[in-house]
Amino acid sequence: MQSKTRTIGRDGPSFIEVARRAQIVECAIETIAALGYAQASLNQIAERAGISKSVISYHFTGKDELIQQVLADVNQAAAAAMWPKVQAETTSAGMLRAYIQCHLDFMRTHPHHVAAVAEILIYHRTQTALDADTTPLEERLRQGQRDGEFRQFSPRLMAWTIRAALDEIARQYVANPSLDLDECARELVGTFTTATAAVPAIH
């Protein structure tokens, strides 16, 4: 049986191909958010996009590759929405507040993205929580310690803890869209501000 391959031009995919892939990914996000990961078949995604399943197969080798692209696109959208505001902060404490607040704001403005990722990660643990690489959050926590703004703690463990709290709020928000995200933001900011704050020197 001859394998089917797709030839991409020397200059990469065309504008039309890029736009079609983006459309498929967006429809995959909407389908997963609406139906759940298990029920979001390529046929269902194709129907929502108004195309045939073969069009998806032309652009993606299968559901696994499409899911990887969904995760990549959601991460890119989140980074574009959040990191400019986080990086604009001049203190590490301000960065931490902005990091938490921006995550909650992204949940509010991109509920389908959040729901889709929450569904995917239930079935498909493609992202490792115990990542060996240093994350931007971990590095900013370390910087806060070097600057004396934060007390001494494990930056990696603190970063994992912050991420775990945000992920749990995302899961709760998917299950209950009436969840008060403003209250969640206030509580998380207060909790992690207290948890990271440097202990005042005793004179």
Protein backbone atom coordinates (compact mmCIF):
# COMPACT_ATOMS: atom_id res chain seq x y z
CA MET A 1 0.00 0.00 0.00
CA GLN A 2 1.47 3.30 -1.05
CA SER A 3 1.75 5.90 1.69
CA LYS A 4 0.11 9.23 1.11
CA THR A 5 2.40 12.23 1.45
CA ARG A 6 1.77 15.91 1.03
CA THR A 7 4.26 18.07 -0.76
CA ILE A 8 4.86 21.52 0.68
CA GLY A 9 6.45 24.18 -1.47
CA ARG A 10 10.03 25.23 -0.95
CA ASP A 11 8.83 28.41 0.72
CA GLY A 12 6.61 26.50 3.17
CA PRO A 13 2.82 26.24 3.29
CA SER A 14 0.79 28.79 1.38
CA PHE A 15 -1.35 31.48 2.99
CA ILE A 16 -4.45 29.43 2.14
CA GLU A 17 -2.99 26.33 3.79
CA VAL A 18 -2.07 28.29 6.91
CA ALA A 19 -5.57 29.78 7.07
CA ARG A 20 -7.20 26.38 6.58
CA ARG A 21 -5.08 24.81 9.34
CA ALA A 22 -6.01 27.67 11.66
CA GLN A 23 -9.70 27.16 10.84
CA ILE A 24 -9.46 23.43 11.58
CA VAL A 25 -7.69 24.06 14.89
CA GLU A 26 -10.29 26.65 15.94
CA CYS A 27 -13.13 24.26 15.07
CA ALA A 28 -11.36 21.49 16.99
CA ILE A 29 -11.22 23.77 20.04
CA GLU A 30 -14.93 24.56 19.76
CA THR A 31 -15.88 20.93 19.20
CA ILE A 32 -13.84 19.62 22.13
CA ALA A 33 -15.23 22.37 24.38
CA ALA A 34 -18.80 21.55 23.34
CA LEU A 35 -18.72 17.74 23.15
CA GLY A 36 -15.73 16.69 25.24
CA TYR A 37 -12.51 15.15 24.04
CA ALA A 38 -13.81 11.60 23.63
CA GLN A 39 -16.75 12.64 21.44
CA ALA A 40 -14.82 15.16 19.34
CA SER A 41 -14.07 12.93 16.36
CA LEU A 42 -12.50 14.17 13.14
CA ASN A 43 -15.95 13.78 11.54
CA GLN A 44 -17.49 16.07 14.17
CA ILE A 45 -14.71 18.62 13.73
CA ALA A 46 -15.07 18.50 9.95
CA GLU A 47 -18.83 19.00 10.21
CA ARG A 48 -18.39 22.06 12.41
CA ALA A 49 -15.82 23.46 9.98
CA GLY A 50 -18.08 22.78 6.98
CA ILE A 51 -15.46 20.65 5.26
CA SER A 52 -14.90 16.97 4.56
CA LYS A 53 -12.83 14.77 6.86
CA SER A 54 -10.35 14.30 4.01
CA VAL A 55 -9.48 18.00 4.21
CA ILE A 56 -8.42 17.53 7.84
CA SER A 57 -6.41 14.45 6.81
CA TYR A 58 -4.65 16.56 4.18
CA HIS A 59 -3.41 19.01 6.80
CA PHE A 60 -2.94 16.68 9.80
CA THR A 61 -1.82 13.07 9.93
CA GLY A 62 -4.49 12.26 12.51
CA LYS A 63 -6.25 13.38 15.67
CA ASP A 64 -3.06 13.21 17.74
CA GLU A 65 -1.25 15.72 15.54
CA LEU A 66 -4.31 17.97 15.52
CA ILE A 67 -4.48 17.85 19.32
CA GLN A 68 -0.80 18.77 19.55
CA GLN A 69 -1.50 21.79 17.35
CA VAL A 70 -4.51 22.76 19.48
CA LEU A 71 -2.31 22.77 22.59
CA ALA A 72 0.41 24.73 20.80
CA ASP A 73 -2.06 27.33 19.51
CA VAL A 74 -3.76 27.76 22.89
CA ASN A 75 -0.38 28.19 24.60
CA GLN A 76 0.63 30.74 21.97
CA ALA A 77 -2.64 32.67 22.38
CA ALA A 78 -2.27 32.66 26.16
CA ALA A 79 1.34 33.82 25.97
CA ALA A 80 0.44 36.64 23.57
CA ALA A 81 -2.36 37.81 25.84
CA MET A 82 -0.51 37.51 29.14
CA TRP A 83 3.26 37.90 28.90
CA PRO A 84 3.42 41.52 27.65
CA LYS A 85 1.48 42.58 30.76
CA VAL A 86 3.56 40.36 33.03
CA GLN A 87 6.87 41.57 31.55
CA ALA A 88 5.76 45.20 31.86
CA GLU A 89 5.86 44.91 35.66
CA THR A 90 9.00 46.40 37.18
CA THR A 91 9.01 44.30 40.36
CA SER A 92 8.88 40.56 40.86
CA ALA A 93 5.94 40.91 43.25
CA GLY A 94 4.08 42.89 40.58
CA MET A 95 4.97 40.23 38.03
CA LEU A 96 3.49 37.51 40.23
CA ARG A 97 0.26 39.47 40.70
CA ALA A 98 0.02 40.12 36.97
CA TYR A 99 0.78 36.48 36.13
CA ILE A 100 -2.11 35.25 38.27
CA GLN A 101 -4.52 37.99 37.19
CA CYS A 102 -3.75 37.52 33.50
CA HIS A 103 -4.42 33.79 33.71
CA LEU A 104 -7.83 34.43 35.21
CA ASP A 105 -8.53 37.11 32.59
CA PHE A 106 -7.62 34.63 29.84
CA MET A 107 -10.06 32.10 31.28
CA ARG A 108 -12.79 34.74 31.11
CA THR A 109 -12.05 35.87 27.55
CA HIS A 110 -11.20 32.43 26.08
CA PRO A 111 -13.58 29.96 27.77
CA HIS A 112 -13.57 27.53 24.83
CA HIS A 113 -9.77 27.40 24.81
CA VAL A 114 -9.71 26.68 28.54
CA ALA A 115 -12.44 24.04 28.29
CA ALA A 116 -10.73 22.31 25.37
CA VAL A 117 -7.35 22.10 27.10
CA ALA A 118 -8.95 20.88 30.33
CA GLU A 119 -10.71 18.12 28.36
CA ILE A 120 -7.58 17.17 26.42
CA LEU A 121 -5.43 16.87 29.53
CA ILE A 122 -7.90 14.49 31.16
CA TYR A 123 -7.31 11.95 28.38
CA HIS A 124 -4.01 13.02 26.93
CA ARG A 125 -1.22 13.94 29.34
CA THR A 126 1.05 15.42 26.67
CA GLN A 127 2.42 18.11 28.99
CA THR A 128 4.60 17.01 31.89
CA ALA A 129 4.03 18.82 35.15
CA LEU A 130 7.51 17.95 36.40
CA ASP A 131 9.31 19.55 33.48
CA ALA A 132 13.07 19.57 33.81
CA ASP A 133 13.40 22.89 31.98
CA THR A 134 13.29 26.21 33.80
CA THR A 135 10.05 28.04 33.07
CA PRO A 136 9.72 31.84 32.80
CA LEU A 137 7.67 31.84 36.02
CA GLU A 138 10.35 29.90 37.88
CA GLU A 139 13.04 32.28 36.64
CA ARG A 140 11.08 35.35 37.76
CA LEU A 141 10.63 33.78 41.19
CA ARG A 142 14.39 33.25 41.36
CA GLN A 143 14.92 36.87 40.33
CA GLY A 144 12.62 38.00 43.12
CA GLN A 145 14.77 36.09 45.58
CA ARG A 146 17.96 37.61 44.20
CA ASP A 147 16.42 41.08 44.52
CA GLY A 148 15.33 40.41 48.10
CA GLU A 149 11.61 40.74 47.32
CA PHE A 150 10.89 37.07 47.97
CA ARG A 151 11.88 34.82 50.84
CA GLN A 152 13.95 31.71 50.27
CA PHE A 153 11.91 28.77 48.92
CA SER A 154 12.15 26.29 46.05
CA PRO A 155 11.29 28.37 42.96
CA ARG A 156 10.46 25.22 41.02
CA LEU A 157 8.11 23.86 43.67
CA MET A 158 6.47 27.27 44.07
CA ALA A 159 6.00 27.55 40.30
CA TRP A 160 4.42 24.07 40.23
CA THR A 161 2.12 25.05 43.10
CA ILE A 162 0.99 28.26 41.40
CA ARG A 163 0.36 26.40 38.14
CA ALA A 164 -1.57 23.64 39.96
CA ALA A 165 -3.81 26.24 41.64
CA LEU A 166 -4.51 27.96 38.32
CA ASP A 167 -5.20 24.63 36.60
CA GLU A 168 -7.69 23.65 39.32
CA ILE A 169 -9.53 26.96 38.96
CA ALA A 170 -9.67 26.36 35.20
CA ARG A 171 -11.24 22.93 35.78
CA GLN A 172 -13.75 24.38 38.23
CA TYR A 173 -14.59 27.20 35.81
CA VAL A 174 -15.26 24.73 33.00
CA ALA A 175 -17.62 22.80 35.29
CA ASN A 176 -19.23 25.96 36.67
CA PRO A 177 -19.03 29.00 34.32
CA SER A 178 -20.66 31.18 37.00
CA LEU A 179 -17.54 30.83 39.17
CA ASP A 180 -16.46 34.27 40.39
CA LEU A 181 -13.06 34.66 38.73
CA ASP A 182 -12.49 38.05 40.34
CA GLU A 183 -12.76 36.46 43.78
CA CYS A 184 -10.48 33.63 42.67
CA ALA A 185 -7.91 36.16 41.48
CA ARG A 186 -8.02 38.09 44.77
CA GLU A 187 -7.63 34.91 46.82
CA LEU A 188 -4.77 33.54 44.74
CA VAL A 189 -2.93 36.86 44.65
CA GLY A 190 -3.29 37.21 48.43
CA THR A 191 -2.24 33.61 49.07
CA PHE A 192 0.88 33.65 46.91
CA THR A 193 1.86 37.19 47.87
CA THR A 194 1.93 36.02 51.49
CA ALA A 195 3.64 32.74 50.58
CA THR A 196 6.50 34.41 48.69
CA ALA A 197 7.01 37.66 50.62
CA ALA A 198 10.39 38.26 52.21
CA VAL A 199 10.41 38.10 56.00
CA PRO A 200 11.12 41.59 57.41
CA ALA A 201 14.42 41.90 59.19
CA ILE A 202 14.19 42.13 62.99
CA HIS A 203 16.20 45.01 64.42
